[in-house]
């Protein structure tokens, strides 16, 4: 659903967005063509577009995309379910929450990149090491939102729900 500002601007907003895109791509092209950006590190926009078109036509691209989407979906589902279950359970049990709190915060503060080689050693180079890494990304986002949401439910709403059965 469009916001009021976007609805009023209509076609003008689309033109501005396309203009910004053209400016960025044009600036990128000029900087690579003049040598300000090294071609070894920053390819020209047209070369990137041609490579994408060529790669999309290969069967391996679609196979790799399917594997990546499978890993992403598995990580999202597993991380979400674990986050919801753990967040709800700890929010409902204050003592368990107090015991686990420092460990959860410490594990959340750990950079996820550090876990990638550990998961590769434990789970191998197949799908499950990548899924495990994705689970750690999803779990904490879902966990902390569910945990905070359950804890902040108004006592009045809880009392009303209990009265209504």
C-alpha atoms as a PDB file:
ATOM      1  CA  UNK A   1       0.000   0.000   0.000  1.00  0.00           C
ATOM      2  CA  UNK A   2       1.358   3.362  -0.987  1.00  0.00           C
ATOM      3  CA  UNK A   3       1.797   6.115   1.531  1.00  0.00           C
ATOM      4  CA  UNK A   4       0.080   9.468   0.939  1.00  0.00           C
ATOM      5  CA  UNK A   5       3.287  11.184  -0.171  1.00  0.00           C
ATOM      6  CA  UNK A   6       4.021   8.483  -2.722  1.00  0.00           C
ATOM      7  CA  UNK A   7       0.466   8.508  -4.048  1.00  0.00           C
ATOM      8  CA  UNK A   8       0.537  12.273  -4.625  1.00  0.00           C
ATOM      9  CA  UNK A   9       3.913  12.211  -6.364  1.00  0.00           C
ATOM     10  CA  UNK A  10       2.944   9.273  -8.603  1.00  0.00           C
ATOM     11  CA  UNK A  11       4.945   9.239 -11.806  1.00  0.00           C
ATOM     12  CA  UNK A  12       7.257  11.993 -10.590  1.00  0.00           C
ATOM     13  CA  UNK A  13       8.513   9.775  -7.775  1.00  0.00           C
ATOM     14  CA  UNK A  14       9.275   6.960 -10.211  1.00  0.00           C
ATOM     15  CA  UNK A  15      11.179   9.391 -12.423  1.00  0.00           C
ATOM     16  CA  UNK A  16      13.232  10.583  -9.460  1.00  0.00           C
ATOM     17  CA  UNK A  17      14.025   7.005  -8.456  1.00  0.00           C
ATOM     18  CA  UNK A  18      15.116   6.130 -11.978  1.00  0.00           C
ATOM     19  CA  UNK A  19      17.178   9.325 -12.052  1.00  0.00           C
ATOM     20  CA  UNK A  20      18.997   8.354  -8.860  1.00  0.00           C
ATOM     21  CA  UNK A  21      19.662   4.888 -10.321  1.00  0.00           C
ATOM     22  CA  UNK A  22      21.002   6.437 -13.540  1.00  0.00           C
ATOM     23  CA  UNK A  23      23.192   8.813 -11.532  1.00  0.00           C
ATOM     24  CA  UNK A  24      24.686   5.981  -9.474  1.00  0.00           C
ATOM     25  CA  UNK A  25      25.308   3.766 -12.520  1.00  0.00           C
ATOM     26  CA  UNK A  26      26.667   6.691 -14.520  1.00  0.00           C
ATOM     27  CA  UNK A  27      28.983   7.718 -11.700  1.00  0.00           C
ATOM     28  CA  UNK A  28      30.162   4.144 -11.336  1.00  0.00           C
ATOM     29  CA  UNK A  29      30.893   3.950 -15.078  1.00  0.00           C
ATOM     30  CA  UNK A  30      32.770   7.257 -15.131  1.00  0.00           C
ATOM     31  CA  UNK A  31      34.860   6.336 -12.087  1.00  0.00           C
ATOM     32  CA  UNK A  32      35.853   2.949 -13.558  1.00  0.00           C
ATOM     33  CA  UNK A  33      36.437   4.297 -17.080  1.00  0.00           C
ATOM     34  CA  UNK A  34      38.739   7.078 -15.838  1.00  0.00           C
ATOM     35  CA  UNK A  35      40.671   4.717 -13.563  1.00  0.00           C
ATOM     36  CA  UNK A  36      39.642   6.369 -10.287  1.00  0.00           C
ATOM     37  CA  UNK A  37      38.245   2.995  -9.278  1.00  0.00           C
ATOM     38  CA  UNK A  38      40.572   0.131 -10.118  1.00  0.00           C
ATOM     39  CA  UNK A  39      39.044  -2.225 -12.714  1.00  0.00           C
ATOM     40  CA  UNK A  40      40.501  -5.195 -10.825  1.00  0.00           C
ATOM     41  CA  UNK A  41      38.284  -4.429  -7.827  1.00  0.00           C
ATOM     42  CA  UNK A  42      35.372  -2.563  -9.484  1.00  0.00           C
ATOM     43  CA  UNK A  43      34.249  -3.823 -12.866  1.00  0.00           C
ATOM     44  CA  UNK A  44      32.355  -1.607 -15.284  1.00  0.00           C
ATOM     45  CA  UNK A  45      28.537  -1.667 -14.883  1.00  0.00           C
ATOM     46  CA  UNK A  46      28.022  -2.948 -18.439  1.00  0.00           C
ATOM     47  CA  UNK A  47      30.487  -5.797 -17.865  1.00  0.00           C
ATOM     48  CA  UNK A  48      28.622  -6.760 -14.688  1.00  0.00           C
ATOM     49  CA  UNK A  49      25.274  -6.709 -16.507  1.00  0.00           C
ATOM     50  CA  UNK A  50      26.635  -8.861 -19.345  1.00  0.00           C
ATOM     51  CA  UNK A  51      28.061 -11.362 -16.852  1.00  0.00           C
ATOM     52  CA  UNK A  52      24.727 -11.582 -15.034  1.00  0.00           C
ATOM     53  CA  UNK A  53      22.871 -12.195 -18.309  1.00  0.00           C
ATOM     54  CA  UNK A  54      25.393 -14.886 -19.287  1.00  0.00           C
ATOM     55  CA  UNK A  55      25.283 -16.609 -15.887  1.00  0.00           C
ATOM     56  CA  UNK A  56      21.474 -16.643 -15.700  1.00  0.00           C
ATOM     57  CA  UNK A  57      21.423 -18.661 -18.916  1.00  0.00           C
ATOM     58  CA  UNK A  58      23.509 -21.473 -17.386  1.00  0.00           C
ATOM     59  CA  UNK A  59      21.685 -24.448 -15.826  1.00  0.00           C
ATOM     60  CA  UNK A  60      24.093 -24.437 -12.888  1.00  0.00           C
ATOM     61  CA  UNK A  61      22.923 -20.940 -11.897  1.00  0.00           C
ATOM     62  CA  UNK A  62      19.379 -22.198 -11.355  1.00  0.00           C
ATOM     63  CA  UNK A  63      20.601 -25.261  -9.489  1.00  0.00           C
ATOM     64  CA  UNK A  64      22.741 -23.114  -7.184  1.00  0.00           C
ATOM     65  CA  UNK A  65      19.861 -20.676  -6.701  1.00  0.00           C
ATOM     66  CA  UNK A  66      17.573 -23.554  -5.708  1.00  0.00           C
ATOM     67  CA  UNK A  67      20.088 -24.787  -3.133  1.00  0.00           C
ATOM     68  CA  UNK A  68      20.528 -21.284  -1.703  1.00  0.00           C
ATOM     69  CA  UNK A  69      16.774 -20.740  -1.458  1.00  0.00           C
ATOM     70  CA  UNK A  70      16.370 -24.142   0.235  1.00  0.00           C
ATOM     71  CA  UNK A  71      19.054 -23.266   2.790  1.00  0.00           C
ATOM     72  CA  UNK A  72      17.458 -19.873   3.373  1.00  0.00           C
ATOM     73  CA  UNK A  73      13.967 -21.308   3.834  1.00  0.00           C
ATOM     74  CA  UNK A  74      15.190 -24.013   6.219  1.00  0.00           C
ATOM     75  CA  UNK A  75      17.181 -21.506   8.277  1.00  0.00           C
ATOM     76  CA  UNK A  76      14.193 -19.164   8.453  1.00  0.00           C
ATOM     77  CA  UNK A  77      11.708 -21.843   9.501  1.00  0.00           C
ATOM     78  CA  UNK A  78      14.005 -23.533  12.041  1.00  0.00           C
ATOM     79  CA  UNK A  79      15.255 -20.231  13.478  1.00  0.00           C
ATOM     80  CA  UNK A  80      11.728 -18.835  13.724  1.00  0.00           C
ATOM     81  CA  UNK A  81      10.291 -21.901  15.446  1.00  0.00           C
ATOM     82  CA  UNK A  82      13.181 -22.090  17.912  1.00  0.00           C
ATOM     83  CA  UNK A  83      13.019 -18.341  18.556  1.00  0.00           C
ATOM     84  CA  UNK A  84       9.275 -18.420  19.204  1.00  0.00           C
ATOM     85  CA  UNK A  85       9.455 -21.461  21.480  1.00  0.00           C
ATOM     86  CA  UNK A  86      12.460 -20.252  23.491  1.00  0.00           C
ATOM     87  CA  UNK A  87      11.242 -16.659  23.681  1.00  0.00           C
ATOM     88  CA  UNK A  88       7.817 -17.702  24.911  1.00  0.00           C
ATOM     89  CA  UNK A  89       9.209 -20.245  27.377  1.00  0.00           C
ATOM     90  CA  UNK A  90      11.724 -17.851  28.932  1.00  0.00           C
ATOM     91  CA  UNK A  91       9.226 -14.997  29.089  1.00  0.00           C
ATOM     92  CA  UNK A  92       6.825 -17.216  31.033  1.00  0.00           C
ATOM     93  CA  UNK A  93       9.489 -18.458  33.489  1.00  0.00           C
ATOM     94  CA  UNK A  94      11.329 -15.529  35.119  1.00  0.00           C
ATOM     95  CA  UNK A  95      13.839 -17.700  37.014  1.00  0.00           C
ATOM     96  CA  UNK A  96      14.925 -19.559  33.866  1.00  0.00           C
ATOM     97  CA  UNK A  97      15.090 -16.216  32.082  1.00  0.00           C
ATOM     98  CA  UNK A  98      17.353 -14.756  34.782  1.00  0.00           C
ATOM     99  CA  UNK A  99      19.653 -17.791  34.610  1.00  0.00           C
ATOM    100  CA  UNK A 100      19.921 -17.848  30.789  1.00  0.00           C
ATOM    101  CA  UNK A 101      20.020 -14.071  30.208  1.00  0.00           C
ATOM    102  CA  UNK A 102      23.800 -13.486  30.326  1.00  0.00           C
ATOM    103  CA  UNK A 103      24.479 -16.501  28.109  1.00  0.00           C
ATOM    104  CA  UNK A 104      21.918 -15.460  25.510  1.00  0.00           C
ATOM    105  CA  UNK A 105      23.269 -11.916  25.413  1.00  0.00           C
ATOM    106  CA  UNK A 106      26.858 -13.142  25.118  1.00  0.00           C
ATOM    107  CA  UNK A 107      25.981 -15.555  22.317  1.00  0.00           C
ATOM    108  CA  UNK A 108      24.011 -12.842  20.519  1.00  0.00           C
ATOM    109  CA  UNK A 109      26.962 -10.443  20.785  1.00  0.00           C
ATOM    110  CA  UNK A 110      29.285 -12.934  19.082  1.00  0.00           C
ATOM    111  CA  UNK A 111      29.914 -12.113  15.413  1.00  0.00           C
ATOM    112  CA  UNK A 112      28.177 -14.722  13.266  1.00  0.00           C
ATOM    113  CA  UNK A 113      31.165 -14.936  10.913  1.00  0.00           C
ATOM    114  CA  UNK A 114      33.118 -16.550  13.758  1.00  0.00           C
ATOM    115  CA  UNK A 115      30.591 -19.384  13.855  1.00  0.00           C
ATOM    116  CA  UNK A 116      30.888 -20.271  10.147  1.00  0.00           C
ATOM    117  CA  UNK A 117      34.139 -22.270  10.422  1.00  0.00           C
ATOM    118  CA  UNK A 118      32.922 -23.948  13.601  1.00  0.00           C
ATOM    119  CA  UNK A 119      29.715 -25.073  11.905  1.00  0.00           C
ATOM    120  CA  UNK A 120      31.739 -26.230   8.875  1.00  0.00           C
ATOM    121  CA  UNK A 121      33.871 -28.404  11.153  1.00  0.00           C
ATOM    122  CA  UNK A 122      30.914 -29.791  13.083  1.00  0.00           C
ATOM    123  CA  UNK A 123      28.450 -30.234  10.224  1.00  0.00           C
ATOM    124  CA  UNK A 124      30.648 -30.427   7.117  1.00  0.00           C
ATOM    125  CA  UNK A 125      30.559 -28.296   4.002  1.00  0.00           C
ATOM    126  CA  UNK A 126      27.068 -29.365   2.964  1.00  0.00           C
ATOM    127  CA  UNK A 127      23.734 -27.697   3.400  1.00  0.00           C
ATOM    128  CA  UNK A 128      23.469 -28.040   7.194  1.00  0.00           C
ATOM    129  CA  UNK A 129      26.444 -25.855   8.114  1.00  0.00           C
ATOM    130  CA  UNK A 130      24.925 -22.993   6.147  1.00  0.00           C
ATOM    131  CA  UNK A 131      21.486 -23.644   7.597  1.00  0.00           C
ATOM    132  CA  UNK A 132      22.956 -23.588  11.123  1.00  0.00           C
ATOM    133  CA  UNK A 133      24.581 -20.220  10.431  1.00  0.00           C
ATOM    134  CA  UNK A 134      21.288 -18.869   9.099  1.00  0.00           C
ATOM    135  CA  UNK A 135      19.452 -20.216  12.138  1.00  0.00           C
ATOM    136  CA  UNK A 136      21.716 -18.172  14.425  1.00  0.00           C
ATOM    137  CA  UNK A 137      20.844 -15.049  12.436  1.00  0.00           C
ATOM    138  CA  UNK A 138      17.089 -15.627  12.557  1.00  0.00           C
ATOM    139  CA  UNK A 139      16.851 -17.102  16.056  1.00  0.00           C
ATOM    140  CA  UNK A 140      17.965 -14.049  18.020  1.00  0.00           C
ATOM    141  CA  UNK A 141      15.832 -11.590  16.081  1.00  0.00           C
ATOM    142  CA  UNK A 142      12.721 -13.698  16.627  1.00  0.00           C
ATOM    143  CA  UNK A 143      13.662 -14.716  20.174  1.00  0.00           C
ATOM    144  CA  UNK A 144      14.173 -11.202  21.550  1.00  0.00           C
ATOM    145  CA  UNK A 145      11.008  -9.890  19.873  1.00  0.00           C
ATOM    146  CA  UNK A 146       8.849 -12.740  21.196  1.00  0.00           C
ATOM    147  CA  UNK A 147      10.478 -12.551  24.626  1.00  0.00           C
ATOM    148  CA  UNK A 148       9.891  -8.809  24.935  1.00  0.00           C
ATOM    149  CA  UNK A 149       6.416  -9.013  23.440  1.00  0.00           C
ATOM    150  CA  UNK A 150       5.236 -11.699  25.859  1.00  0.00           C
ATOM    151  CA  UNK A 151       6.713  -9.909  28.861  1.00  0.00           C
ATOM    152  CA  UNK A 152       5.092  -6.590  27.981  1.00  0.00           C
ATOM    153  CA  UNK A 153       1.536  -7.825  27.550  1.00  0.00           C
ATOM    154  CA  UNK A 154      -0.727  -5.678  29.688  1.00  0.00           C
ATOM    155  CA  UNK A 155      -1.921  -7.376  32.906  1.00  0.00           C
ATOM    156  CA  UNK A 156      -5.402  -6.050  32.150  1.00  0.00           C
ATOM    157  CA  UNK A 157      -5.476  -7.896  28.833  1.00  0.00           C
ATOM    158  CA  UNK A 158      -4.261 -11.072  30.529  1.00  0.00           C
ATOM    159  CA  UNK A 159      -6.943 -10.759  33.217  1.00  0.00           C
ATOM    160  CA  UNK A 160      -9.621 -10.221  30.561  1.00  0.00           C
ATOM    161  CA  UNK A 161      -8.417 -13.261  28.615  1.00  0.00           C
ATOM    162  CA  UNK A 162      -8.522 -15.408  31.746  1.00  0.00           C
ATOM    163  CA  UNK A 163     -12.080 -14.250  32.514  1.00  0.00           C
ATOM    164  CA  UNK A 164     -13.198 -15.088  28.992  1.00  0.00           C
ATOM    165  CA  UNK A 165     -11.589 -18.527  29.247  1.00  0.00           C
END
